[in-house]
Protein backbone atom coordinates (compact mmCIF):
# COMPACT_ATOMS: atom_id res chain seq x y z
CA MET A 1 102.59 115.50 90.10
CA ASN A 2 104.43 115.59 86.78
CA ALA A 3 105.95 119.02 86.19
CA ARG A 4 104.57 119.27 82.66
CA TYR A 5 101.04 119.65 84.08
CA LEU A 6 101.85 122.66 86.27
CA PRO A 7 101.31 125.51 83.74
CA PRO A 8 98.05 124.00 82.44
CA LEU A 9 96.97 123.42 86.03
CA ALA A 10 97.33 127.09 86.92
CA ALA A 11 95.31 128.06 83.84
CA LEU A 12 92.61 125.51 84.56
CA LEU A 13 92.28 126.61 88.17
CA SER A 14 91.94 130.27 87.17
CA LEU A 15 89.12 129.37 84.79
CA THR A 16 87.26 127.23 87.33
CA GLY A 17 87.63 129.64 90.22
CA CYS A 18 89.71 127.25 92.32
CA VAL A 19 92.34 128.57 94.70
CA ILE A 20 95.95 127.43 94.80
CA ASP A 21 96.44 126.87 98.51
CA HIS A 22 99.87 127.68 99.95
CA ARG A 23 98.99 127.09 103.60
CA ASN A 24 101.73 125.81 105.89
CA THR A 25 102.31 122.09 105.94
CA GLY A 26 103.20 119.96 108.94
CA PRO A 27 104.41 116.43 109.64
CA LEU A 28 102.76 113.59 107.75
CA GLU A 29 99.70 112.30 109.60
CA TYR A 30 97.77 109.04 109.15
CA SER A 31 94.17 108.08 109.82
CA SER A 32 91.82 105.21 108.93
CA GLU A 33 88.05 104.91 108.63
CA SER A 34 85.74 101.95 107.94
CA VAL A 35 82.02 101.39 107.44
CA ASP A 36 80.34 98.04 108.06
CA LEU A 37 78.15 96.31 105.51
CA ASP A 38 74.43 96.55 106.25
CA GLN A 39 71.25 95.39 104.52
CA SER A 40 71.44 97.93 101.69
CA GLU A 41 70.73 96.35 98.31
CA GLU A 42 73.04 98.80 96.53
CA VAL A 43 75.38 101.63 97.51
CA ARG A 44 76.36 104.90 95.89
CA VAL A 45 79.97 105.86 96.56
CA ASP A 46 80.99 109.52 96.13
CA LEU A 47 84.71 110.35 96.29
CA VAL A 48 85.74 114.01 96.09
CA MET A 49 89.45 114.90 96.17
CA GLY A 50 90.84 118.29 95.21
CA ALA A 51 94.43 117.23 94.57
CA GLY A 52 96.59 114.30 95.55
CA ASP A 53 97.12 110.58 95.04
CA LEU A 54 93.99 108.41 94.89
CA ARG A 55 93.96 104.60 94.96
CA VAL A 56 90.75 102.56 94.83
CA THR A 57 90.49 98.76 94.82
CA ASP A 58 88.41 95.91 96.22
CA GLY A 59 89.26 93.57 99.08
CA SER A 60 87.46 95.08 102.06
CA GLN A 61 85.48 92.71 104.30
CA LYS A 62 83.46 95.78 105.29
CA LEU A 63 81.69 98.15 102.92
CA VAL A 64 84.83 100.30 102.91
CA ARG A 65 88.18 100.56 104.59
CA ALA A 66 90.00 103.82 103.92
CA ASP A 67 93.56 104.75 104.87
CA PHE A 68 94.61 108.37 104.56
CA SER A 69 97.89 110.25 104.80
CA TYR A 70 98.20 114.06 104.72
CA ASN A 71 100.47 116.83 105.94
CA VAL A 72 97.84 119.58 106.17
CA PRO A 73 95.89 118.69 109.35
CA SER A 74 92.68 120.41 108.25
CA TRP A 75 92.50 118.14 105.21
CA LYS A 76 91.62 115.02 107.17
CA PRO A 77 88.96 113.48 104.91
CA GLU A 78 85.31 113.56 105.88
CA VAL A 79 83.63 110.13 105.77
CA ARG A 80 79.83 109.85 105.97
CA TYR A 81 77.42 106.99 105.43
CA THR A 82 73.63 107.25 105.28
CA ARG A 83 70.74 105.16 104.01
CA GLU A 84 67.71 106.02 101.90
CA GLY A 85 65.42 103.01 101.94
CA THR A 86 67.36 100.05 100.56
CA ARG A 87 70.12 102.27 99.11
CA GLY A 88 73.25 103.24 101.01
CA ILE A 89 75.20 106.43 100.33
CA LEU A 90 78.90 106.59 101.17
CA SER A 91 80.67 109.94 100.86
CA ILE A 92 84.40 110.61 101.29
CA LYS A 93 85.44 114.22 100.73
CA GLN A 94 88.49 116.40 101.11
CA PRO A 95 87.50 119.34 103.33
CA GLY A 96 87.57 122.53 101.30
CA SER A 97 87.81 120.47 98.12
CA ASN A 98 87.36 123.68 96.10
CA HIS A 99 91.08 124.26 96.82
CA SER A 100 93.81 122.73 94.70
CA THR A 101 97.42 122.61 95.82
CA LEU A 102 100.95 123.00 94.58
CA GLY A 103 104.20 122.75 96.52
CA LYS A 104 105.12 120.41 99.34
CA THR A 105 101.70 119.14 100.30
CA GLN A 106 101.26 115.37 100.59
CA TYR A 107 97.82 113.86 100.27
CA ARG A 108 96.92 110.21 99.61
CA TRP A 109 93.82 108.06 99.90
CA ASP A 110 93.87 104.25 99.79
CA ILE A 111 90.26 103.08 99.47
CA GLN A 112 89.23 99.42 99.64
CA LEU A 113 85.61 98.66 98.73
CA SER A 114 83.51 95.54 99.17
CA ASN A 115 82.70 93.32 96.20
CA LYS A 116 79.65 91.90 98.00
CA VAL A 117 77.21 94.70 97.14
CA PRO A 118 76.37 96.48 93.85
CA LEU A 119 78.03 99.90 93.64
CA ASP A 120 77.52 103.15 91.74
CA LEU A 121 80.85 104.97 91.88
CA SER A 122 81.27 108.72 91.38
CA VAL A 123 84.76 110.25 91.51
CA LYS A 124 85.55 113.97 91.34
CA PHE A 125 89.31 114.35 91.12
CA GLY A 126 90.96 117.72 90.67
CA ALA A 127 94.67 117.13 90.15
CA GLY A 128 97.31 114.45 90.63
CA GLN A 129 97.23 110.73 89.99
CA ALA A 130 94.33 108.29 90.28
CA LYS A 131 94.61 104.51 90.04
CA LEU A 132 91.25 102.74 90.11
CA ASP A 133 91.29 98.91 90.12
CA LEU A 134 87.57 98.22 89.80
CA GLY A 135 87.20 94.99 87.82
CA SER A 136 86.37 92.78 90.83
CA LEU A 137 83.60 95.06 92.12
CA GLN A 138 79.88 94.68 91.42
CA LEU A 139 79.69 97.88 89.40
CA ARG A 140 76.37 99.43 88.43
CA GLY A 141 77.95 102.56 86.98
CA VAL A 142 81.07 104.73 87.09
CA GLU A 143 81.25 108.50 86.60
CA LEU A 144 84.60 110.26 86.74
CA ASN A 145 85.31 113.99 86.58
CA MET A 146 89.06 114.59 86.30
CA GLY A 147 90.94 117.86 86.19
CA VAL A 148 94.70 117.70 85.69
CA GLY A 149 96.96 114.68 85.90
CA GLN A 150 96.89 110.99 85.17
CA LEU A 151 94.17 108.36 85.41
CA ASP A 152 94.61 104.58 85.21
CA MET A 153 91.28 102.74 85.44
CA ASP A 154 91.31 98.93 85.33
CA LEU A 155 87.95 97.27 84.64
CA ARG A 156 89.30 93.80 83.87
CA GLY A 157 87.36 91.03 85.56
CA LYS A 158 84.06 89.21 85.24
CA VAL A 159 81.30 91.63 84.23
CA LYS A 160 78.49 90.95 86.72
CA HIS A 161 76.04 93.58 85.44
CA SER A 162 75.77 95.82 82.41
CA TYR A 163 76.94 99.32 83.30
CA ASN A 164 78.07 102.65 81.88
CA VAL A 165 81.39 104.42 82.45
CA THR A 166 81.45 108.19 81.84
CA ILE A 167 84.70 110.16 81.96
CA HIS A 168 84.63 113.97 81.86
CA GLY A 169 88.21 115.01 81.20
CA GLY A 170 90.38 117.98 81.93
CA ILE A 171 94.08 117.99 81.06
CA GLY A 172 96.33 114.97 81.17
CA GLN A 173 96.30 111.30 80.29
CA ALA A 174 93.68 108.61 80.87
CA THR A 175 94.16 104.86 80.40
CA VAL A 176 91.17 102.53 80.64
CA ARG A 177 91.89 98.79 80.67
CA LEU A 178 88.99 96.57 79.63
CA PRO A 179 88.27 92.81 79.78
CA ALA A 180 89.00 91.33 76.35
CA ASP A 181 86.10 88.86 76.46
CA ALA A 182 83.39 91.34 77.52
CA GLY A 183 80.85 93.23 75.44
CA ILE A 184 82.42 96.70 75.06
CA TYR A 185 81.08 99.82 73.32
CA ALA A 186 83.25 102.95 73.49
CA GLU A 187 82.95 106.55 72.28
CA ALA A 188 85.34 109.46 72.76
CA ARG A 189 84.65 113.05 71.71
CA GLY A 190 85.04 116.70 72.62
CA GLY A 191 88.59 117.98 72.32
CA ILE A 192 90.50 114.74 72.91
CA GLY A 193 94.15 115.27 72.01
CA SER A 194 94.82 111.73 70.82
CA ILE A 195 93.08 108.37 71.06
CA LYS A 196 94.84 105.02 71.10
CA VAL A 197 92.69 101.90 71.01
CA ARG A 198 93.83 98.30 71.26
CA GLY A 199 91.69 95.18 71.15
CA LEU A 200 88.51 96.88 69.88
CA ARG A 201 87.36 97.28 66.30
CA ASN A 202 86.65 100.70 64.80
CA GLU A 203 83.01 100.98 63.71
CA GLY A 204 83.25 104.52 62.31
CA GLY A 205 82.76 106.90 65.20
CA HIS A 206 82.90 104.34 67.98
CA TRP A 207 84.66 101.11 68.95
CA GLU A 208 83.27 97.69 69.82
CA SER A 209 84.55 94.35 71.03
CA GLU A 210 83.97 91.29 68.87
CA SER A 211 81.49 89.94 71.41
CA TYR A 212 79.47 93.13 71.91
CA ALA A 213 76.32 92.12 69.98
CA ARG A 214 75.94 88.74 71.69
CA ALA A 215 77.18 89.60 75.19
CA GLU A 216 74.64 89.36 78.00
CA ASN A 217 76.38 91.97 80.15
CA LYS A 218 77.97 94.99 78.50
CA ILE A 219 80.18 97.95 79.36
CA ARG A 220 79.59 101.26 77.61
CA ILE A 221 82.43 103.82 77.78
CA ASP A 222 81.77 107.52 77.09
CA VAL A 223 84.76 109.88 77.23
CA ASN A 224 84.10 113.63 76.98
CA GLY A 225 86.35 116.64 77.30
CA GLY A 226 89.86 117.86 76.72
CA ILE A 227 91.99 114.90 77.79
CA GLY A 228 95.45 115.14 76.24
CA GLU A 229 95.55 111.42 75.54
CA ILE A 230 93.07 108.61 76.07
CA ARG A 231 94.05 104.98 75.77
CA LEU A 232 91.46 102.19 75.62
CA ILE A 233 93.07 98.77 76.00
CA ALA A 234 91.10 95.52 75.85
CA ASP A 235 93.30 92.57 76.85
């Protein structure tokens, strides 16, 4: 994690009641998990990571393939999949995710999701770096809660359904890359340090793409909270 986030991280954790965990680390361990596709018509994906390096992309022939690396053995991620009627629910969580870490801990998730089923994606990410390449997925909605660190979310690709993206920010930097030819509506409010927008027109309080009014499928972006810098790039 970038050193400039460390003082704000300590302050944020004290306010939220999180614990800075200094437990002993060990050698780097690796594990993998996968879940097969079934007959679910849509799937909700919940990712909960306290602190670390998160990568999400498409490309899995199954519903999900997840590769993990960690040097605190008790942090092996918990993967669960259940069904409620025609809806699947996939959950990947860091055990004791109420703990955030500093020091020599190493923690990384590489998540590949299927683009063959509509997905609602929820990400709760405490601290570190998150890179989400989501543009090839059949997104129904994205909700992200970030604490401290850096987010790079790439939504470029063919928009298969209209959907909303909600980002609740903490401290750090967020970059959202958008397809230039899609119908885009974006708002940002609530303590944002700075906003940089490219490829969207300012409509006085929000931003739109040129094709927003006539687009069949649209993306609505809502950014809330104290992100140091938010960049919205349509290209």
